[in-house]
Amino acid sequence: MNAEKPDKKEIAAPEYIRANFDPSDRLAVLVRNRRRGDTLQRISTAVRIAAPQFQDWLRYKNERDGSDIYLGMNPLKPEAHTRTKDDIQVIKHLYIDLDRDGAKSLAAIQQSDLVPTPSYVLSTSPDKFQVIWRVEGVTQEQAEAFLHALAREFDGDPAATDSTRVLRLPGFANKKYEGDFRVTVQAHADRAYHARDFRLRTDPVDSGPGRWNPSRERTAKADREKIHVASIWSEWLRSGGR
């Protein structure tokens, strides 16, 4: 269980952006109108996105135009005009999208000794959360291995396991459902974590939970041996038993 018990603090979008990024970090903002099927992407610096004029535009798109608002969690290279893996300049966050039994998964994260105390928890709709850890010194390859491991261990959305992912921006309404749900965020820890702080198993061949399971390992080995024996038997039959 995590030893840290930091005070929970709800913060607004501009403060959230300034706390997570350097002023010159180039970030992707996604504005998606599900009703019309329209998606706009704007790439700008953190300082400009957090400024009143940009926030007013986002608020208009959210409240008047009915669009959802998302923010890329890892900065892009200076010359980037798209949001691909090759465009990522540095990894600043790991995250997990809890879209099923969110409260149960969130409690498991908070009690786990495999991960540190989350930096932020976004409440995105009833019983759904996006959990974020601020990190430094983590490579893109390490980040995506951790993202997959987090989703496996805590029953997160397997689609939210790439370093280019955009997450909801707090302070704006979730327009996905019939009724609006205001996205809020609480800060839980104010330090940046390192790869050594995450004790998840990141072996890409492991398709089960992030923690190593010896029983599952033995079962997989037995299955491979059965397949090998069946292959030999099939070959023997095809040869006429010679």
Protein backbone atom coordinates (compact mmCIF):
# COMPACT_ATOMS: atom_id res chain seq x y z
CA MET A 1 0.00 0.00 0.00
CA ASN A 2 1.24 3.48 -0.79
CA ALA A 3 2.64 5.28 2.24
CA GLU A 4 1.98 8.75 0.84
CA LYS A 5 -1.28 10.40 1.87
CA PRO A 6 -1.10 13.80 0.19
CA ASP A 7 -3.90 16.28 0.45
CA LYS A 8 -6.37 16.14 -2.42
CA LYS A 9 -6.68 19.42 -4.25
CA GLU A 10 -9.00 20.20 -7.15
CA ILE A 11 -7.43 22.48 -9.76
CA ALA A 12 -8.64 24.35 -12.86
CA ALA A 13 -7.49 23.79 -16.45
CA PRO A 14 -4.90 26.63 -16.69
CA GLU A 15 -3.31 25.67 -13.37
CA TYR A 16 -3.34 22.01 -14.42
CA ILE A 17 -1.52 22.83 -17.69
CA ARG A 18 1.05 25.06 -16.00
CA ALA A 19 1.75 22.44 -13.32
CA ASN A 20 2.38 19.67 -15.85
CA PHE A 21 4.29 21.36 -18.65
CA ASP A 22 7.00 23.92 -19.33
CA PRO A 23 5.71 27.12 -20.96
CA SER A 24 7.43 26.29 -24.26
CA ASP A 25 6.18 22.68 -24.47
CA ARG A 26 4.22 22.14 -27.67
CA LEU A 27 1.00 20.28 -27.00
CA ALA A 28 -1.86 18.89 -29.05
CA VAL A 29 -5.39 20.02 -28.19
CA LEU A 30 -8.21 17.95 -29.64
CA VAL A 31 -11.73 19.35 -30.05
CA ARG A 32 -14.23 16.66 -31.04
CA ASN A 33 -17.90 17.11 -31.90
CA ARG A 34 -19.43 13.64 -31.83
CA ARG A 35 -22.79 14.79 -33.15
CA ARG A 36 -21.30 16.16 -36.37
CA GLY A 37 -18.34 13.79 -36.51
CA ASP A 38 -15.92 16.74 -36.60
CA THR A 39 -12.46 16.73 -35.03
CA LEU A 40 -10.13 19.71 -34.81
CA GLN A 41 -6.53 19.46 -33.66
CA ARG A 42 -4.53 22.50 -32.65
CA ILE A 43 -0.85 22.38 -31.70
CA SER A 44 0.43 25.24 -29.58
CA THR A 45 2.64 25.98 -26.59
CA ALA A 46 1.52 25.28 -23.04
CA VAL A 47 1.67 28.96 -22.15
CA ARG A 48 -0.68 29.89 -25.00
CA ILE A 49 -3.11 27.04 -24.30
CA ALA A 50 -3.35 28.08 -20.65
CA ALA A 51 -3.90 31.75 -21.58
CA PRO A 52 -7.40 33.29 -21.22
CA GLN A 53 -7.96 33.76 -24.97
CA PHE A 54 -7.33 30.09 -25.81
CA GLN A 55 -9.33 28.94 -22.79
CA ASP A 56 -12.24 31.15 -23.85
CA TRP A 57 -12.21 29.52 -27.31
CA LEU A 58 -12.19 26.04 -25.75
CA ARG A 59 -15.04 27.03 -23.46
CA TYR A 60 -17.07 28.27 -26.45
CA LYS A 61 -16.43 25.02 -28.36
CA ASN A 62 -17.44 23.00 -25.31
CA GLU A 63 -20.46 24.93 -24.06
CA ARG A 64 -21.93 26.42 -27.23
CA ASP A 65 -20.74 24.01 -29.90
CA GLY A 66 -21.09 20.79 -27.89
CA SER A 67 -17.53 19.58 -28.42
CA ASP A 68 -15.38 17.48 -26.09
CA ILE A 69 -11.96 18.89 -25.13
CA TYR A 70 -8.80 16.78 -24.89
CA LEU A 71 -5.10 17.50 -24.26
CA GLY A 72 -2.03 15.52 -25.32
CA MET A 73 -0.04 14.46 -22.26
CA ASN A 74 3.42 14.32 -23.84
CA PRO A 75 5.06 17.31 -25.59
CA LEU A 76 5.75 17.32 -29.31
CA LYS A 77 8.95 18.18 -31.17
CA PRO A 78 9.41 21.83 -32.25
CA GLU A 79 8.86 20.99 -35.93
CA ALA A 80 5.90 18.64 -35.37
CA HIS A 81 2.61 19.43 -37.08
CA THR A 82 0.98 16.07 -36.35
CA ARG A 83 0.60 13.84 -33.29
CA THR A 84 2.40 10.59 -34.05
CA LYS A 85 4.92 8.56 -32.07
CA ASP A 86 7.73 10.07 -34.14
CA ASP A 87 6.49 13.53 -33.14
CA ILE A 88 6.87 12.95 -29.38
CA GLN A 89 9.76 14.95 -27.94
CA VAL A 90 9.75 13.75 -24.35
CA ILE A 91 7.67 11.55 -22.05
CA LYS A 92 6.21 13.52 -19.16
CA HIS A 93 3.26 11.36 -18.15
CA LEU A 94 2.04 7.81 -17.74
CA TYR A 95 -1.70 7.21 -17.43
CA ILE A 96 -4.53 4.72 -17.38
CA ASP A 97 -8.14 5.11 -18.51
CA LEU A 98 -10.53 3.36 -16.11
CA ASP A 99 -13.74 2.97 -18.10
CA ARG A 100 -15.14 -0.15 -16.41
CA ASP A 101 -15.68 -0.61 -12.65
CA GLY A 102 -13.68 2.59 -12.25
CA ALA A 103 -14.03 2.95 -8.49
CA LYS A 104 -12.86 -0.62 -7.93
CA SER A 105 -9.82 -0.19 -10.19
CA LEU A 106 -8.99 3.18 -8.66
CA ALA A 107 -9.04 1.65 -5.17
CA ALA A 108 -6.74 -1.12 -6.39
CA ILE A 109 -4.26 1.46 -7.70
CA GLN A 110 -4.34 3.43 -4.46
CA GLN A 111 -3.67 0.28 -2.41
CA SER A 112 -1.08 -1.28 -4.74
CA ASP A 113 2.63 -1.53 -4.03
CA LEU A 114 3.33 -1.88 -7.76
CA VAL A 115 2.80 1.81 -8.55
CA PRO A 116 3.39 5.07 -6.67
CA THR A 117 0.68 7.47 -5.58
CA PRO A 118 -0.94 8.98 -8.70
CA SER A 119 -0.12 12.59 -9.48
CA TYR A 120 -3.67 13.31 -10.63
CA VAL A 121 -7.04 11.61 -10.82
CA LEU A 122 -9.55 12.94 -13.35
CA SER A 123 -13.22 12.15 -12.82
CA THR A 124 -14.51 12.01 -16.40
CA SER A 125 -18.03 10.61 -15.92
CA PRO A 126 -19.86 8.53 -13.29
CA ASP A 127 -17.52 5.72 -12.11
CA LYS A 128 -14.95 6.50 -14.82
CA PHE A 129 -11.52 7.96 -14.19
CA GLN A 130 -8.25 8.85 -15.88
CA VAL A 131 -5.26 8.37 -13.58
CA ILE A 132 -1.99 10.18 -14.32
CA TRP A 133 1.57 9.93 -13.06
CA ARG A 134 4.05 12.72 -13.81
CA VAL A 135 7.40 11.20 -14.79
CA GLU A 136 10.88 12.14 -15.95
CA GLY A 137 13.76 10.19 -17.48
CA VAL A 138 11.38 7.62 -19.02
CA THR A 139 11.94 6.65 -22.65
CA GLN A 140 9.10 6.27 -25.12
CA GLU A 141 9.70 2.51 -25.28
CA GLN A 142 9.58 2.25 -21.48
CA ALA A 143 6.48 4.43 -21.36
CA GLU A 144 4.47 2.28 -23.73
CA ALA A 145 5.56 -0.89 -21.92
CA PHE A 146 4.34 0.66 -18.66
CA LEU A 147 1.08 1.83 -20.26
CA HIS A 148 0.28 -1.71 -21.42
CA ALA A 149 1.25 -3.13 -18.02
CA LEU A 150 -0.93 -0.59 -16.19
CA ALA A 151 -3.93 -1.49 -18.34
CA ARG A 152 -3.39 -5.22 -17.76
CA GLU A 153 -2.89 -4.95 -14.01
CA PHE A 154 -5.72 -2.55 -13.22
CA ASP A 155 -8.28 -3.42 -15.92
CA GLY A 156 -7.78 -0.20 -17.88
CA ASP A 157 -8.82 0.59 -21.43
CA PRO A 158 -6.34 -1.29 -23.70
CA ALA A 159 -6.81 1.37 -26.38
CA ALA A 160 -5.31 4.05 -24.10
CA THR A 161 -1.82 2.58 -24.14
CA ASP A 162 0.13 4.78 -26.56
CA SER A 163 2.36 7.76 -25.81
CA THR A 164 0.36 10.03 -28.16
CA ARG A 165 -2.85 9.63 -26.19
CA VAL A 166 -5.00 12.68 -25.45
CA LEU A 167 -6.89 12.83 -22.16
CA ARG A 168 -9.81 15.00 -21.11
CA LEU A 169 -9.03 18.52 -19.94
CA PRO A 170 -10.52 19.31 -16.51
CA GLY A 171 -13.03 22.10 -16.17
CA PHE A 172 -14.91 21.18 -19.36
CA ALA A 173 -18.07 19.13 -19.80
CA ASN A 174 -18.03 15.57 -21.04
CA LYS A 175 -20.45 15.68 -23.98
CA LYS A 176 -20.43 11.96 -24.69
CA TYR A 177 -23.64 11.22 -22.81
CA GLU A 178 -27.15 12.60 -22.79
CA GLY A 179 -26.42 14.82 -19.81
CA ASP A 180 -23.26 16.88 -19.38
CA PHE A 181 -20.71 15.76 -16.81
CA ARG A 182 -18.12 18.30 -15.67
CA VAL A 183 -14.64 16.81 -15.73
CA THR A 184 -12.74 17.49 -12.51
CA VAL A 185 -9.19 16.71 -11.41
CA GLN A 186 -7.60 16.27 -8.01
CA ALA A 187 -3.87 16.52 -7.36
CA HIS A 188 -2.51 13.78 -5.11
CA ALA A 189 1.29 14.07 -5.41
CA ASP A 190 3.58 16.87 -6.54
CA ARG A 191 6.75 14.97 -7.46
CA ALA A 192 7.93 13.48 -10.74
CA TYR A 193 8.46 9.72 -10.72
CA HIS A 194 11.10 7.58 -12.43
CA ALA A 195 10.96 4.17 -14.08
CA ARG A 196 12.25 2.51 -10.91
CA ASP A 197 9.13 3.68 -9.04
CA PHE A 198 6.94 1.36 -11.15
CA ARG A 199 7.27 -2.32 -10.22
CA LEU A 200 4.95 -3.66 -12.89
CA ARG A 201 6.03 -6.52 -15.07
CA THR A 202 6.44 -5.12 -18.58
CA ASP A 203 7.34 -8.33 -20.43
CA PRO A 204 5.53 -7.95 -23.79
CA VAL A 205 4.80 -11.68 -24.02
CA ASP A 206 2.78 -11.55 -20.80
CA SER A 207 -0.88 -11.12 -21.72
CA GLY A 208 -2.19 -11.39 -18.18
CA PRO A 209 -2.03 -9.04 -15.17
CA GLY A 210 1.08 -6.96 -14.66
CA ARG A 211 2.26 -9.04 -11.70
CA TRP A 212 4.17 -12.22 -12.63
CA ASN A 213 2.09 -15.33 -12.06
CA PRO A 214 4.12 -18.58 -11.79
CA SER A 215 1.00 -20.73 -12.16
CA ARG A 216 0.09 -19.02 -15.44
CA GLU A 217 3.69 -19.43 -16.61
CA ARG A 218 3.57 -23.20 -15.97
CA THR A 219 0.20 -23.48 -17.73
CA ALA A 220 1.53 -21.65 -20.79
CA LYS A 221 4.57 -23.94 -20.89
CA ALA A 222 2.37 -27.04 -20.66
CA ASP A 223 0.19 -25.73 -23.49
CA ARG A 224 3.26 -25.19 -25.69
CA GLU A 225 4.43 -28.73 -24.97
CA LYS A 226 1.00 -30.14 -25.89
CA ILE A 227 1.06 -28.24 -29.18
CA HIS A 228 4.56 -29.57 -29.92
CA VAL A 229 3.53 -33.20 -29.22
CA ALA A 230 0.37 -32.81 -31.32
CA SER A 231 2.47 -31.47 -34.19
CA ILE A 232 4.82 -34.48 -34.05
CA TRP A 233 1.85 -36.90 -33.91
CA SER A 234 0.17 -35.20 -36.87
CA GLU A 235 3.38 -35.39 -38.91
CA TRP A 236 3.75 -39.09 -38.06
CA LEU A 237 0.20 -39.83 -39.25
CA ARG A 238 0.76 -37.93 -42.51
CA SER A 239 3.83 -40.05 -43.16
CA GLY A 240 1.78 -43.23 -42.87
CA GLY A 241 3.11 -44.12 -39.45
CA ARG A 242 6.64 -44.67 -40.71
